[in-house]
């Protein structure tokens, strides 16, 4: 199992789409929200993803294809 931290940035109508839920349903990935800020027109979420590395990459490719910006993060976001 691998673990990866990423930041998703949602703009416009994407803020209202259940992208994180769908990611966990379509791919064998456990999502853990570490931080988030969501408004009416823009939002971002920092996630910790657990799963097999190839599966995580397939999931992130899918998220990118929806129009959500995906940025990898390095280091601890929040411990505990």
C-alpha atoms as a PDB file:
ATOM      1  CA  UNK A   1       0.000   0.000   0.000  1.00  0.00           C
ATOM      2  CA  UNK A   2       1.159   3.484  -0.789  1.00  0.00           C
ATOM      3  CA  UNK A   3       0.248   6.811   0.693  1.00  0.00           C
ATOM      4  CA  UNK A   4       0.170  10.132  -1.114  1.00  0.00           C
ATOM      5  CA  UNK A   5      -0.840  13.680  -0.147  1.00  0.00           C
ATOM      6  CA  UNK A   6      -2.436  15.917  -2.740  1.00  0.00           C
ATOM      7  CA  UNK A   7      -4.316  19.179  -3.004  1.00  0.00           C
ATOM      8  CA  UNK A   8      -7.432  19.398  -5.169  1.00  0.00           C
ATOM      9  CA  UNK A   9      -8.571  22.834  -6.312  1.00  0.00           C
ATOM     10  CA  UNK A  10     -12.175  23.142  -7.473  1.00  0.00           C
ATOM     11  CA  UNK A  11     -13.495  26.109  -9.459  1.00  0.00           C
ATOM     12  CA  UNK A  12     -16.952  27.117 -10.662  1.00  0.00           C
ATOM     13  CA  UNK A  13     -19.456  24.240 -10.909  1.00  0.00           C
ATOM     14  CA  UNK A  14     -16.850  21.671  -9.856  1.00  0.00           C
ATOM     15  CA  UNK A  15     -17.239  22.856  -6.241  1.00  0.00           C
ATOM     16  CA  UNK A  16     -20.659  21.198  -6.169  1.00  0.00           C
ATOM     17  CA  UNK A  17     -19.591  17.876  -7.743  1.00  0.00           C
ATOM     18  CA  UNK A  18     -18.935  14.799  -5.524  1.00  0.00           C
ATOM     19  CA  UNK A  19     -15.463  14.199  -6.978  1.00  0.00           C
ATOM     20  CA  UNK A  20     -13.872  12.872  -3.757  1.00  0.00           C
ATOM     21  CA  UNK A  21     -16.758  10.464  -3.181  1.00  0.00           C
ATOM     22  CA  UNK A  22     -16.566   9.218  -6.781  1.00  0.00           C
ATOM     23  CA  UNK A  23     -12.787   8.788  -6.482  1.00  0.00           C
ATOM     24  CA  UNK A  24     -13.298   6.382  -3.576  1.00  0.00           C
ATOM     25  CA  UNK A  25     -16.098   4.534  -5.384  1.00  0.00           C
ATOM     26  CA  UNK A  26     -14.407   4.152  -8.782  1.00  0.00           C
ATOM     27  CA  UNK A  27     -10.928   3.271  -7.504  1.00  0.00           C
ATOM     28  CA  UNK A  28      -9.564   1.219  -4.608  1.00  0.00           C
ATOM     29  CA  UNK A  29      -8.413   4.333  -2.764  1.00  0.00           C
ATOM     30  CA  UNK A  30      -9.138   5.397   0.796  1.00  0.00           C
ATOM     31  CA  UNK A  31      -9.487   9.193   1.009  1.00  0.00           C
ATOM     32  CA  UNK A  32      -8.756  11.117   4.200  1.00  0.00           C
ATOM     33  CA  UNK A  33      -9.498  14.847   4.188  1.00  0.00           C
ATOM     34  CA  UNK A  34      -6.751  16.670   6.112  1.00  0.00           C
ATOM     35  CA  UNK A  35      -7.709  20.314   5.426  1.00  0.00           C
ATOM     36  CA  UNK A  36     -10.272  22.106   3.317  1.00  0.00           C
ATOM     37  CA  UNK A  37     -11.747  25.469   2.476  1.00  0.00           C
ATOM     38  CA  UNK A  38     -14.809  25.584   0.256  1.00  0.00           C
ATOM     39  CA  UNK A  39     -16.758  28.631  -0.913  1.00  0.00           C
ATOM     40  CA  UNK A  40     -19.528  29.228  -3.424  1.00  0.00           C
ATOM     41  CA  UNK A  41     -17.231  29.484  -6.467  1.00  0.00           C
ATOM     42  CA  UNK A  42     -13.888  28.015  -5.449  1.00  0.00           C
ATOM     43  CA  UNK A  43     -12.572  25.482  -2.979  1.00  0.00           C
ATOM     44  CA  UNK A  44      -9.553  23.403  -2.141  1.00  0.00           C
ATOM     45  CA  UNK A  45      -9.078  20.161  -0.250  1.00  0.00           C
ATOM     46  CA  UNK A  46      -5.891  18.541   1.026  1.00  0.00           C
ATOM     47  CA  UNK A  47      -6.243  14.762   0.948  1.00  0.00           C
ATOM     48  CA  UNK A  48      -4.226  11.815   2.079  1.00  0.00           C
ATOM     49  CA  UNK A  49      -4.754   8.907  -0.304  1.00  0.00           C
ATOM     50  CA  UNK A  50      -4.089   5.282   0.644  1.00  0.00           C
ATOM     51  CA  UNK A  51      -3.924   2.518  -1.943  1.00  0.00           C
ATOM     52  CA  UNK A  52      -1.697   0.785  -4.434  1.00  0.00           C
ATOM     53  CA  UNK A  53       0.489   3.294  -6.295  1.00  0.00           C
ATOM     54  CA  UNK A  54      -0.840   2.439  -9.795  1.00  0.00           C
ATOM     55  CA  UNK A  55      -4.426   2.699  -8.537  1.00  0.00           C
ATOM     56  CA  UNK A  56      -3.734   6.081  -6.929  1.00  0.00           C
ATOM     57  CA  UNK A  57      -2.230   7.326 -10.202  1.00  0.00           C
ATOM     58  CA  UNK A  58      -5.240   6.106 -12.200  1.00  0.00           C
ATOM     59  CA  UNK A  59      -7.533   7.854  -9.735  1.00  0.00           C
ATOM     60  CA  UNK A  60      -5.573  11.111  -9.895  1.00  0.00           C
ATOM     61  CA  UNK A  61      -5.591  10.969 -13.700  1.00  0.00           C
ATOM     62  CA  UNK A  62      -9.370  10.619 -13.567  1.00  0.00           C
ATOM     63  CA  UNK A  63      -9.710  13.554 -11.137  1.00  0.00           C
ATOM     64  CA  UNK A  64      -7.592  15.720 -13.459  1.00  0.00           C
ATOM     65  CA  UNK A  65      -9.811  14.718 -16.384  1.00  0.00           C
ATOM     66  CA  UNK A  66     -12.835  16.185 -14.558  1.00  0.00           C
ATOM     67  CA  UNK A  67     -11.197  19.634 -14.560  1.00  0.00           C
ATOM     68  CA  UNK A  68     -10.116  19.610 -10.909  1.00  0.00           C
ATOM     69  CA  UNK A  69      -6.548  20.828 -10.444  1.00  0.00           C
ATOM     70  CA  UNK A  70      -4.356  18.213  -8.719  1.00  0.00           C
ATOM     71  CA  UNK A  71      -1.132  19.253  -6.983  1.00  0.00           C
ATOM     72  CA  UNK A  72       1.138  16.811  -5.110  1.00  0.00           C
ATOM     73  CA  UNK A  73       2.195  17.785  -1.578  1.00  0.00           C
ATOM     74  CA  UNK A  74       5.330  16.847   0.308  1.00  0.00           C
ATOM     75  CA  UNK A  75       5.681  16.596   4.076  1.00  0.00           C
ATOM     76  CA  UNK A  76       3.144  16.585   6.871  1.00  0.00           C
ATOM     77  CA  UNK A  77       0.013  18.679   6.494  1.00  0.00           C
ATOM     78  CA  UNK A  78      -1.403  17.966   9.927  1.00  0.00           C
ATOM     79  CA  UNK A  79      -0.001  15.398  12.323  1.00  0.00           C
ATOM     80  CA  UNK A  80      -2.282  13.315  14.452  1.00  0.00           C
END
